[in-house]
Amino acid sequence: GRAVECALELLPQDFDGTVVVTSGDVPLLDVATIQSMVEAHNAG
């Protein structure tokens, strides 16, 4: 939680989009999976 909080501090204050959180030790996570997550998240 603190790691993400530190990252958010670097986003522009007016950023009002979506934040995806992944890990540097999960190397096989692919573009299609994240895209489908974001699309389902925004659509719902």
PDB file of all heavy atoms in Angstrom:
ATOM      1  N   GLY A   1       0.819  -1.211   0.000  1.00  0.00           N
ATOM      2  CA  GLY A   1       0.000   0.000   0.000  1.00  0.00           C
ATOM      3  C   GLY A   1       0.845   1.249   0.000  1.00  0.00           C
ATOM      4  O   GLY A   1       0.574   2.209  -0.731  1.00  0.00           O
ATOM      5  N   ARG A   2       1.914   1.236   0.798  1.00  0.00           N
ATOM      6  CA  ARG A   2       2.801   2.396   0.838  1.00  0.00           C
ATOM      7  C   ARG A   2       3.545   2.555  -0.484  1.00  0.00           C
ATOM      8  O   ARG A   2       3.758   3.680  -0.945  1.00  0.00           O
ATOM      9  CB  ARG A   2       3.799   2.246   1.989  1.00  0.00           C
ATOM     10  CG  ARG A   2       4.765   3.429   2.113  1.00  0.00           C
ATOM     11  CD  ARG A   2       4.023   4.756   2.229  1.00  0.00           C
ATOM     12  NE  ARG A   2       4.958   5.878   2.295  1.00  0.00           N
ATOM     13  CZ  ARG A   2       4.600   7.145   2.149  1.00  0.00           C
ATOM     14  NH1 ARG A   2       3.323   7.466   1.913  1.00  0.00           N
ATOM     15  NH2 ARG A   2       5.495   8.108   2.247  1.00  0.00           N
ATOM     16  N   ALA A   3       3.931   1.445  -1.099  1.00  0.00           N
ATOM     17  CA  ALA A   3       4.611   1.528  -2.390  1.00  0.00           C
ATOM     18  C   ALA A   3       3.740   2.222  -3.431  1.00  0.00           C
ATOM     19  O   ALA A   3       4.201   3.107  -4.168  1.00  0.00           O
ATOM     20  CB  ALA A   3       4.987   0.127  -2.869  1.00  0.00           C
ATOM     21  N   VAL A   4       2.466   1.841  -3.479  1.00  0.00           N
ATOM     22  CA  VAL A   4       1.547   2.480  -4.433  1.00  0.00           C
ATOM     23  C   VAL A   4       1.339   3.934  -4.065  1.00  0.00           C
ATOM     24  O   VAL A   4       1.258   4.809  -4.941  1.00  0.00           O
ATOM     25  CB  VAL A   4       0.218   1.707  -4.484  1.00  0.00           C
ATOM     26  CG1 VAL A   4      -0.799   2.445  -5.348  1.00  0.00           C
ATOM     27  CG2 VAL A   4       0.446   0.300  -5.022  1.00  0.00           C
ATOM     28  N   GLU A   5       1.265   4.224  -2.790  1.00  0.00           N
ATOM     29  CA  GLU A   5       1.087   5.613  -2.340  1.00  0.00           C
ATOM     30  C   GLU A   5       2.256   6.480  -2.803  1.00  0.00           C
ATOM     31  O   GLU A   5       2.059   7.619  -3.248  1.00  0.00           O
ATOM     32  CB  GLU A   5       0.976   5.630  -0.816  1.00  0.00           C
ATOM     33  CG  GLU A   5       0.379   6.901  -0.244  1.00  0.00           C
ATOM     34  CD  GLU A   5       0.063   6.747   1.227  1.00  0.00           C
ATOM     35  OE1 GLU A   5       0.743   5.964   1.928  1.00  0.00           O
ATOM     36  OE2 GLU A   5      -0.875   7.422   1.696  1.00  0.00           O
ATOM     37  N   CYS A   6       3.483   5.953  -2.713  1.00  0.00           N
ATOM     38  CA  CYS A   6       4.657   6.693  -3.189  1.00  0.00           C
ATOM     39  C   CYS A   6       4.585   6.930  -4.694  1.00  0.00           C
ATOM     40  O   CYS A   6       4.998   7.989  -5.196  1.00  0.00           O
ATOM     41  CB  CYS A   6       5.928   5.932  -2.835  1.00  0.00           C
ATOM     42  SG  CYS A   6       6.278   5.837  -1.063  1.00  0.00           S
ATOM     43  N   ALA A   7       4.063   5.949  -5.429  1.00  0.00           N
ATOM     44  CA  ALA A   7       3.934   6.098  -6.879  1.00  0.00           C
ATOM     45  C   ALA A   7       2.907   7.171  -7.232  1.00  0.00           C
ATOM     46  O   ALA A   7       3.119   7.982  -8.142  1.00  0.00           O
ATOM     47  CB  ALA A   7       3.537   4.769  -7.507  1.00  0.00           C
ATOM     48  N   LEU A   8       1.794   7.188  -6.510  1.00  0.00           N
ATOM     49  CA  LEU A   8       0.745   8.162  -6.809  1.00  0.00           C
ATOM     50  C   LEU A   8       1.216   9.589  -6.611  1.00  0.00           C
ATOM     51  O   LEU A   8       0.710  10.516  -7.263  1.00  0.00           O
ATOM     52  CB  LEU A   8      -0.482   7.892  -5.931  1.00  0.00           C
ATOM     53  CG  LEU A   8      -1.221   6.572  -6.167  1.00  0.00           C
ATOM     54  CD1 LEU A   8      -2.478   6.510  -5.312  1.00  0.00           C
ATOM     55  CD2 LEU A   8      -1.565   6.382  -7.629  1.00  0.00           C
ATOM     56  N   GLU A   9       2.183   9.772  -5.731  1.00  0.00           N
ATOM     57  CA  GLU A   9       2.699  11.118  -5.500  1.00  0.00           C
ATOM     58  C   GLU A   9       3.369  11.700  -6.734  1.00  0.00           C
ATOM     59  O   GLU A   9       3.521  12.923  -6.851  1.00  0.00           O
ATOM     60  CB  GLU A   9       3.683  11.094  -4.328  1.00  0.00           C
ATOM     61  CG  GLU A   9       3.030  10.806  -2.980  1.00  0.00           C
ATOM     62  CD  GLU A   9       4.051  10.610  -1.867  1.00  0.00           C
ATOM     63  OE1 GLU A   9       5.275  10.721  -2.162  1.00  0.00           O
ATOM     64  OE2 GLU A   9       3.644  10.362  -0.724  1.00  0.00           O
ATOM     65  N   LEU A  10       3.775  10.850  -7.665  1.00  0.00           N
ATOM     66  CA  LEU A  10       4.435  11.319  -8.889  1.00  0.00           C
ATOM     67  C   LEU A  10       3.460  11.551 -10.039  1.00  0.00           C
ATOM     68  O   LEU A  10       3.866  12.056 -11.088  1.00  0.00           O
ATOM     69  CB  LEU A  10       5.505  10.307  -9.318  1.00  0.00           C
ATOM     70  CG  LEU A  10       6.638  10.071  -8.314  1.00  0.00           C
ATOM     71  CD1 LEU A  10       7.670   9.106  -8.890  1.00  0.00           C
ATOM     72  CD2 LEU A  10       7.306  11.376  -7.919  1.00  0.00           C
ATOM     73  N   LEU A  11       2.213  11.176  -9.854  1.00  0.00           N
ATOM     74  CA  LEU A  11       1.205  11.451 -10.886  1.00  0.00           C
ATOM     75  C   LEU A  11       0.790  12.916 -10.828  1.00  0.00           C
ATOM     76  O   LEU A  11       0.765  13.516  -9.747  1.00  0.00           O
ATOM     77  CB  LEU A  11      -0.024  10.569 -10.688  1.00  0.00           C
ATOM     78  CG  LEU A  11       0.113   9.095 -11.064  1.00  0.00           C
ATOM     79  CD1 LEU A  11      -1.158   8.343 -10.682  1.00  0.00           C
ATOM     80  CD2 LEU A  11       0.393   8.939 -12.552  1.00  0.00           C
ATOM     81  N   PRO A  12       0.449  13.505 -11.959  1.00  0.00           N
ATOM     82  CA  PRO A  12      -0.075  14.871 -11.923  1.00  0.00           C
ATOM     83  C   PRO A  12      -1.316  14.962 -11.023  1.00  0.00           C
ATOM     84  O   PRO A  12      -2.119  14.023 -10.972  1.00  0.00           O
ATOM     85  CB  PRO A  12      -0.432  15.147 -13.386  1.00  0.00           C
ATOM     86  CG  PRO A  12       0.396  14.189 -14.179  1.00  0.00           C
ATOM     87  CD  PRO A  12       0.536  12.962 -13.327  1.00  0.00           C
ATOM     88  N   GLN A  13      -1.454  16.055 -10.320  1.00  0.00           N
ATOM     89  CA  GLN A  13      -2.581  16.204  -9.398  1.00  0.00           C
ATOM     90  C   GLN A  13      -3.921  16.137 -10.108  1.00  0.00           C
ATOM     91  O   GLN A  13      -4.929  15.740  -9.515  1.00  0.00           O
ATOM     92  CB  GLN A  13      -2.459  17.527  -8.634  1.00  0.00           C
ATOM     93  CG  GLN A  13      -1.351  17.522  -7.582  1.00  0.00           C
ATOM     94  CD  GLN A  13      -1.574  16.464  -6.511  1.00  0.00           C
ATOM     95  OE1 GLN A  13      -2.677  16.339  -5.975  1.00  0.00           O
ATOM     96  NE2 GLN A  13      -0.526  15.696  -6.218  1.00  0.00           N
ATOM     97  N   ASP A  14      -3.938  16.519 -11.389  1.00  0.00           N
ATOM     98  CA  ASP A  14      -5.207  16.503 -12.115  1.00  0.00           C
ATOM     99  C   ASP A  14      -5.450  15.173 -12.837  1.00  0.00           C
ATOM    100  O   ASP A  14      -6.416  15.051 -13.598  1.00  0.00           O
ATOM    101  CB  ASP A  14      -5.269  17.661 -13.117  1.00  0.00           C
ATOM    102  CG  ASP A  14      -4.143  17.595 -14.153  1.00  0.00           C
ATOM    103  OD1 ASP A  14      -3.227  16.747 -14.006  1.00  0.00           O
ATOM    104  OD2 ASP A  14      -4.167  18.400 -15.108  1.00  0.00           O
ATOM    105  N   PHE A  15      -4.592  14.178 -12.620  1.00  0.00           N
ATOM    106  CA  PHE A  15      -4.793  12.874 -13.250  1.00  0.00           C
ATOM    107  C   PHE A  15      -6.040  12.231 -12.645  1.00  0.00           C
ATOM    108  O   PHE A  15      -6.140  12.057 -11.427  1.00  0.00           O
ATOM    109  CB  PHE A  15      -3.574  11.979 -13.021  1.00  0.00           C
ATOM    110  CG  PHE A  15      -3.727  10.596 -13.612  1.00  0.00           C
ATOM    111  CD1 PHE A  15      -3.509  10.368 -14.957  1.00  0.00           C
ATOM    112  CD2 PHE A  15      -4.115   9.527 -12.811  1.00  0.00           C
ATOM    113  CE1 PHE A  15      -3.641   9.098 -15.500  1.00  0.00           C
ATOM    114  CE2 PHE A  15      -4.249   8.251 -13.343  1.00  0.00           C
ATOM    115  CZ  PHE A  15      -4.016   8.047 -14.691  1.00  0.00           C
ATOM    116  N   ASP A  16      -6.983  11.879 -13.488  1.00  0.00           N
ATOM    117  CA  ASP A  16      -8.237  11.307 -12.986  1.00  0.00           C
ATOM    118  C   ASP A  16      -8.586  10.003 -13.708  1.00  0.00           C
ATOM    119  O   ASP A  16      -9.758   9.626 -13.811  1.00  0.00           O
ATOM    120  CB  ASP A  16      -9.387  12.304 -13.133  1.00  0.00           C
ATOM    121  CG  ASP A  16      -9.626  12.713 -14.588  1.00  0.00           C
ATOM    122  OD1 ASP A  16      -8.825  12.290 -15.472  1.00  0.00           O
ATOM    123  OD2 ASP A  16     -10.590  13.437 -14.862  1.00  0.00           O
ATOM    124  N   GLY A  17      -7.562   9.304 -14.175  1.00  0.00           N
ATOM    125  CA  GLY A  17      -7.791   8.076 -14.930  1.00  0.00           C
ATOM    126  C   GLY A  17      -7.753   6.837 -14.062  1.00  0.00           C
ATOM    127  O   GLY A  17      -8.126   6.842 -12.885  1.00  0.00           O
ATOM    128  N   THR A  18      -7.282   5.766 -14.645  1.00  0.00           N
ATOM    129  CA  THR A  18      -7.255   4.453 -14.016  1.00  0.00           C
ATOM    130  C   THR A  18      -5.811   4.094 -13.658  1.00  0.00           C
ATOM    131  O   THR A  18      -4.884   4.438 -14.393  1.00  0.00           O
ATOM    132  CB  THR A  18      -7.829   3.408 -14.992  1.00  0.00           C
ATOM    133  OG1 THR A  18      -9.168   3.769 -15.309  1.00  0.00           O
ATOM    134  CG2 THR A  18      -7.815   2.023 -14.382  1.00  0.00           C
ATOM    135  N   VAL A  19      -5.631   3.414 -12.539  1.00  0.00           N
ATOM    136  CA  VAL A  19      -4.304   2.979 -12.104  1.00  0.00           C
ATOM    137  C   VAL A  19      -4.256   1.446 -12.097  1.00  0.00           C
ATOM    138  O   VAL A  19      -5.069   0.795 -11.434  1.00  0.00           O
ATOM    139  CB  VAL A  19      -3.962   3.515 -10.711  1.00  0.00           C
ATOM    140  CG1 VAL A  19      -2.612   2.959 -10.249  1.00  0.00           C
ATOM    141  CG2 VAL A  19      -3.926   5.038 -10.714  1.00  0.00           C
ATOM    142  N   VAL A  20      -3.305   0.890 -12.852  1.00  0.00           N
ATOM    143  CA  VAL A  20      -3.056  -0.546 -12.859  1.00  0.00           C
ATOM    144  C   VAL A  20      -1.862  -0.806 -11.956  1.00  0.00           C
ATOM    145  O   VAL A  20      -0.844  -0.106 -12.038  1.00  0.00           O
ATOM    146  CB  VAL A  20      -2.758  -1.055 -14.285  1.00  0.00           C
ATOM    147  CG1 VAL A  20      -2.418  -2.535 -14.273  1.00  0.00           C
ATOM    148  CG2 VAL A  20      -3.931  -0.777 -15.215  1.00  0.00           C
ATOM    149  N   VAL A  21      -1.950  -1.814 -11.100  1.00  0.00           N
ATOM    150  CA  VAL A  21      -0.842  -2.176 -10.216  1.00  0.00           C
ATOM    151  C   VAL A  21      -0.400  -3.597 -10.556  1.00  0.00           C
ATOM    152  O   VAL A  21      -1.205  -4.542 -10.493  1.00  0.00           O
ATOM    153  CB  VAL A  21      -1.238  -2.095  -8.731  1.00  0.00           C
ATOM    154  CG1 VAL A  21      -0.058  -2.499  -7.845  1.00  0.00           C
ATOM    155  CG2 VAL A  21      -1.710  -0.687  -8.379  1.00  0.00           C
ATOM    156  N   THR A  22       0.866  -3.742 -10.950  1.00  0.00           N
ATOM    157  CA  THR A  22       1.449  -5.054 -11.234  1.00  0.00           C
ATOM    158  C   THR A  22       2.716  -5.210 -10.399  1.00  0.00           C
ATOM    159  O   THR A  22       3.118  -4.302  -9.679  1.00  0.00           O
ATOM    160  CB  THR A  22       1.781  -5.220 -12.727  1.00  0.00           C
ATOM    161  OG1 THR A  22       2.872  -4.332 -13.065  1.00  0.00           O
ATOM    162  CG2 THR A  22       0.582  -4.882 -13.597  1.00  0.00           C
ATOM    163  N   SER A  23       3.386  -6.349 -10.536  1.00  0.00           N
ATOM    164  CA  SER A  23       4.600  -6.619  -9.768  1.00  0.00           C
ATOM    165  C   SER A  23       5.763  -6.940 -10.696  1.00  0.00           C
ATOM    166  O   SER A  23       5.588  -7.601 -11.723  1.00  0.00           O
ATOM    167  CB  SER A  23       4.375  -7.792  -8.812  1.00  0.00           C
ATOM    168  OG  SER A  23       3.412  -7.470  -7.836  1.00  0.00           O
ATOM    169  N   GLY A  24       6.953  -6.504 -10.282  1.00  0.00           N
ATOM    170  CA  GLY A  24       8.149  -6.769 -11.074  1.00  0.00           C
ATOM    171  C   GLY A  24       8.592  -8.201 -11.050  1.00  0.00           C
ATOM    172  O   GLY A  24       9.481  -8.589 -11.815  1.00  0.00           O
ATOM    173  N   ASP A  25       7.984  -9.024 -10.171  1.00  0.00           N
ATOM    174  CA  ASP A  25       8.349 -10.437 -10.113  1.00  0.00           C
ATOM    175  C   ASP A  25       7.274 -11.345 -10.696  1.00  0.00           C
ATOM    176  O   ASP A  25       7.238 -12.537 -10.425  1.00  0.00           O
ATOM    177  CB  ASP A  25       8.672 -10.854  -8.677  1.00  0.00           C
ATOM    178  CG  ASP A  25       7.498 -10.676  -7.727  1.00  0.00           C
ATOM    179  OD1 ASP A  25       6.424 -10.222  -8.168  1.00  0.00           O
ATOM    180  OD2 ASP A  25       7.659 -10.995  -6.518  1.00  0.00           O
ATOM    181  N   VAL A  26       6.375 -10.758 -11.506  1.00  0.00           N
ATOM    182  CA  VAL A  26       5.344 -11.539 -12.212  1.00  0.00           C
ATOM    183  C   VAL A  26       5.557 -11.295 -13.708  1.00  0.00           C
ATOM    184  O   VAL A  26       4.874 -10.485 -14.333  1.00  0.00           O
ATOM    185  CB  VAL A  26       3.926 -11.128 -11.773  1.00  0.00           C
ATOM    186  CG1 VAL A  26       2.873 -11.975 -12.475  1.00  0.00           C
ATOM    187  CG2 VAL A  26       3.782 -11.274 -10.261  1.00  0.00           C
ATOM    188  N   PRO A  27       6.537 -11.979 -14.314  1.00  0.00           N
ATOM    189  CA  PRO A  27       7.009 -11.590 -15.643  1.00  0.00           C
ATOM    190  C   PRO A  27       6.137 -12.006 -16.812  1.00  0.00           C
ATOM    191  O   PRO A  27       6.249 -11.436 -17.896  1.00  0.00           O
ATOM    192  CB  PRO A  27       8.374 -12.281 -15.737  1.00  0.00           C
ATOM    193  CG  PRO A  27       8.231 -13.478 -14.857  1.00  0.00           C
ATOM    194  CD  PRO A  27       7.363 -13.054 -13.721  1.00  0.00           C
ATOM    195  N   LEU A  28       5.266 -13.006 -16.652  1.00  0.00           N
ATOM    196  CA  LEU A  28       4.508 -13.501 -17.803  1.00  0.00           C
ATOM    197  C   LEU A  28       3.168 -12.807 -18.010  1.00  0.00           C
ATOM    198  O   LEU A  28       2.469 -13.094 -18.986  1.00  0.00           O
ATOM    199  CB  LEU A  28       4.284 -15.014 -17.673  1.00  0.00           C
ATOM    200  CG  LEU A  28       5.526 -15.894 -17.566  1.00  0.00           C
ATOM    201  CD1 LEU A  28       5.159 -17.361 -17.727  1.00  0.00           C
ATOM    202  CD2 LEU A  28       6.588 -15.497 -18.572  1.00  0.00           C
ATOM    203  N   LEU A  29       2.801 -11.911 -17.109  1.00  0.00           N
ATOM    204  CA  LEU A  29       1.550 -11.177 -17.275  1.00  0.00           C
ATOM    205  C   LEU A  29       1.581 -10.416 -18.596  1.00  0.00           C
ATOM    206  O   LEU A  29       2.509  -9.657 -18.871  1.00  0.00           O
ATOM    207  CB  LEU A  29       1.360 -10.208 -16.112  1.00  0.00           C
ATOM    208  CG  LEU A  29       0.043  -9.435 -16.081  1.00  0.00           C
ATOM    209  CD1 LEU A  29      -1.141 -10.378 -15.903  1.00  0.00           C
ATOM    210  CD2 LEU A  29       0.078  -8.389 -14.974  1.00  0.00           C
ATOM    211  N   ASP A  30       0.563 -10.629 -19.430  1.00  0.00           N
ATOM    212  CA  ASP A  30       0.619 -10.101 -20.791  1.00  0.00           C
ATOM    213  C   ASP A  30      -0.302  -8.912 -21.002  1.00  0.00           C
ATOM    214  O   ASP A  30      -1.139  -8.575 -20.169  1.00  0.00           O
ATOM    215  CB  ASP A  30       0.321 -11.202 -21.806  1.00  0.00           C
ATOM    216  CG  ASP A  30      -1.074 -11.792 -21.644  1.00  0.00           C
ATOM    217  OD1 ASP A  30      -1.766 -11.459 -20.660  1.00  0.00           O
ATOM    218  OD2 ASP A  30      -1.473 -12.596 -22.507  1.00  0.00           O
ATOM    219  N   VAL A  31      -0.115  -8.283 -22.150  1.00  0.00           N
ATOM    220  CA  VAL A  31      -0.883  -7.086 -22.505  1.00  0.00           C
ATOM    221  C   VAL A  31      -2.376  -7.392 -22.583  1.00  0.00           C
ATOM    222  O   VAL A  31      -3.213  -6.632 -22.083  1.00  0.00           O
ATOM    223  CB  VAL A  31      -0.377  -6.522 -23.848  1.00  0.00           C
ATOM    224  CG1 VAL A  31      -1.313  -5.433 -24.374  1.00  0.00           C
ATOM    225  CG2 VAL A  31       1.033  -5.972 -23.687  1.00  0.00           C
ATOM    226  N   ALA A  32      -2.733  -8.514 -23.207  1.00  0.00           N
ATOM    227  CA  ALA A  32      -4.152  -8.836 -23.411  1.00  0.00           C
ATOM    228  C   ALA A  32      -4.889  -8.964 -22.083  1.00  0.00           C
ATOM    229  O   ALA A  32      -6.035  -8.510 -21.947  1.00  0.00           O
ATOM    230  CB  ALA A  32      -4.283 -10.121 -24.219  1.00  0.00           C
ATOM    231  N   THR A  33      -4.254  -9.573 -21.090  1.00  0.00           N
ATOM    232  CA  THR A  33      -4.899  -9.753 -19.786  1.00  0.00           C
ATOM    233  C   THR A  33      -5.150  -8.414 -19.121  1.00  0.00           C
ATOM    234  O   THR A  33      -6.247  -8.157 -18.598  1.00  0.00           O
ATOM    235  CB  THR A  33      -4.031 -10.651 -18.887  1.00  0.00           C
ATOM    236  OG1 THR A  33      -3.907 -11.936 -19.502  1.00  0.00           O
ATOM    237  CG2 THR A  33      -4.655 -10.803 -17.510  1.00  0.00           C
ATOM    238  N   ILE A  34      -4.167  -7.539 -19.131  1.00  0.00           N
ATOM    239  CA  ILE A  34      -4.334  -6.233 -18.497  1.00  0.00           C
ATOM    240  C   ILE A  34      -5.358  -5.399 -19.255  1.00  0.00           C
ATOM    241  O   ILE A  34      -6.206  -4.720 -18.652  1.00  0.00           O
ATOM    242  CB  ILE A  34      -2.991  -5.495 -18.408  1.00  0.00           C
ATOM    243  CG1 ILE A  34      -2.008  -6.311 -17.566  1.00  0.00           C
ATOM    244  CG2 ILE A  34      -3.177  -4.109 -17.807  1.00  0.00           C
ATOM    245  CD1 ILE A  34      -0.617  -5.720 -17.505  1.00  0.00           C
ATOM    246  N   GLN A  35      -5.308  -5.453 -20.572  1.00  0.00           N
ATOM    247  CA  GLN A  35      -6.296  -4.704 -21.366  1.00  0.00           C
ATOM    248  C   GLN A  35      -7.716  -5.144 -21.025  1.00  0.00           C
ATOM    249  O   GLN A  35      -8.609  -4.307 -20.849  1.00  0.00           O
ATOM    250  CB  GLN A  35      -6.028  -4.902 -22.857  1.00  0.00           C
ATOM    251  CG  GLN A  35      -4.884  -4.091 -23.397  1.00  0.00           C
ATOM    252  CD  GLN A  35      -4.656  -4.323 -24.870  1.00  0.00           C
ATOM    253  OE1 GLN A  35      -4.972  -5.396 -25.398  1.00  0.00           O
ATOM    254  NE2 GLN A  35      -4.091  -3.343 -25.556  1.00  0.00           N
ATOM    255  N   SER A  36      -7.925  -6.459 -20.930  1.00  0.00           N
ATOM    256  CA  SER A  36      -9.278  -6.942 -20.630  1.00  0.00           C
ATOM    257  C   SER A  36      -9.714  -6.523 -19.236  1.00  0.00           C
ATOM    258  O   SER A  36     -10.890  -6.212 -19.006  1.00  0.00           O
ATOM    259  CB  SER A  36      -9.337  -8.471 -20.770  1.00  0.00           C
ATOM    260  OG  SER A  36      -8.496  -9.098 -19.820  1.00  0.00           O
ATOM    261  N   MET A  37      -8.782  -6.484 -18.286  1.00  0.00           N
ATOM    262  CA  MET A  37      -9.107  -6.009 -16.940  1.00  0.00           C
ATOM    263  C   MET A  37      -9.543  -4.550 -16.951  1.00  0.00           C
ATOM    264  O   MET A  37     -10.559  -4.178 -16.353  1.00  0.00           O
ATOM    265  CB  MET A  37      -7.895  -6.153 -16.017  1.00  0.00           C
ATOM    266  CG  MET A  37      -7.610  -7.536 -15.488  1.00  0.00           C
ATOM    267  SD  MET A  37      -6.240  -7.493 -14.302  1.00  0.00           S
ATOM    268  CE  MET A  37      -7.025  -6.661 -12.907  1.00  0.00           C
ATOM    269  N   VAL A  38      -8.746  -3.719 -17.636  1.00  0.00           N
ATOM    270  CA  VAL A  38      -9.046  -2.280 -17.678  1.00  0.00           C
ATOM    271  C   VAL A  38     -10.373  -2.031 -18.381  1.00  0.00           C
ATOM    272  O   VAL A  38     -11.193  -1.212 -17.927  1.00  0.00           O
ATOM    273  CB  VAL A  38      -7.903  -1.512 -18.363  1.00  0.00           C
ATOM    274  CG1 VAL A  38      -8.281  -0.051 -18.557  1.00  0.00           C
ATOM    275  CG2 VAL A  38      -6.621  -1.618 -17.542  1.00  0.00           C
ATOM    276  N   GLU A  39     -10.614  -2.731 -19.473  1.00  0.00           N
ATOM    277  CA  GLU A  39     -11.859  -2.543 -20.217  1.00  0.00           C
ATOM    278  C   GLU A  39     -13.068  -2.953 -19.377  1.00  0.00           C
ATOM    279  O   GLU A  39     -14.091  -2.249 -19.341  1.00  0.00           O
ATOM    280  CB  GLU A  39     -11.808  -3.328 -21.527  1.00  0.00           C
ATOM    281  CG  GLU A  39     -10.822  -2.727 -22.535  1.00  0.00           C
ATOM    282  CD  GLU A  39     -10.530  -3.649 -23.702  1.00  0.00           C
ATOM    283  OE1 GLU A  39     -11.081  -4.783 -23.720  1.00  0.00           O
ATOM    284  OE2 GLU A  39      -9.751  -3.262 -24.593  1.00  0.00           O
ATOM    285  N   ALA A  40     -12.956  -4.112 -18.694  1.00  0.00           N
ATOM    286  CA  ALA A  40     -14.067  -4.548 -17.842  1.00  0.00           C
ATOM    287  C   ALA A  40     -14.260  -3.607 -16.659  1.00  0.00           C
ATOM    288  O   ALA A  40     -15.392  -3.334 -16.236  1.00  0.00           O
ATOM    289  CB  ALA A  40     -13.798  -5.976 -17.343  1.00  0.00           C
ATOM    290  N   HIS A  41     -13.171  -3.102 -16.131  1.00  0.00           N
ATOM    291  CA  HIS A  41     -13.220  -2.162 -15.006  1.00  0.00           C
ATOM    292  C   HIS A  41     -13.944  -0.875 -15.411  1.00  0.00           C
ATOM    293  O   HIS A  41     -14.863  -0.416 -14.721  1.00  0.00           O
ATOM    294  CB  HIS A  41     -11.793  -1.855 -14.554  1.00  0.00           C
ATOM    295  CG  HIS A  41     -11.691  -0.837 -13.469  1.00  0.00           C
ATOM    296  ND1 HIS A  41     -11.763  -1.163 -12.139  1.00  0.00           N
ATOM    297  CD2 HIS A  41     -11.531   0.521 -13.520  1.00  0.00           C
ATOM    298  CE1 HIS A  41     -11.644  -0.066 -11.411  1.00  0.00           C
ATOM    299  NE2 HIS A  41     -11.496   0.971 -12.234  1.00  0.00           N
ATOM    300  N   ASN A  42     -13.539  -0.315 -16.530  1.00  0.00           N
ATOM    301  CA  ASN A  42     -14.142   0.945 -16.975  1.00  0.00           C
ATOM    302  C   ASN A  42     -15.582   0.759 -17.430  1.00  0.00           C
ATOM    303  O   ASN A  42     -16.452   1.594 -17.141  1.00  0.00           O
ATOM    304  CB  ASN A  42     -13.306   1.547 -18.110  1.00  0.00           C
ATOM    305  CG  ASN A  42     -11.947   2.029 -17.635  1.00  0.00           C
ATOM    306  OD1 ASN A  42     -11.756   2.327 -16.452  1.00  0.00           O
ATOM    307  ND2 ASN A  42     -10.984   2.106 -18.548  1.00  0.00           N
ATOM    308  N   ALA A  43     -15.846  -0.341 -18.135  1.00  0.00           N
ATOM    309  CA  ALA A  43     -17.204  -0.574 -18.633  1.00  0.00           C
ATOM    310  C   ALA A  43     -18.201  -0.745 -17.494  1.00  0.00           C
ATOM    311  O   ALA A  43     -19.363  -0.316 -17.598  1.00  0.00           O
ATOM    312  CB  ALA A  43     -17.215  -1.814 -19.526  1.00  0.00           C
ATOM    313  N   GLY A  44     -17.761  -1.347 -16.386  1.00  0.00           N
ATOM    314  CA  GLY A  44     -18.670  -1.577 -15.265  1.00  0.00           C
ATOM    315  C   GLY A  44     -18.678  -0.477 -14.239  1.00  0.00           C
ATOM    316  O   GLY A  44     -19.426  -0.556 -13.247  1.00  0.00           O
TER     317      GLY A  44
END
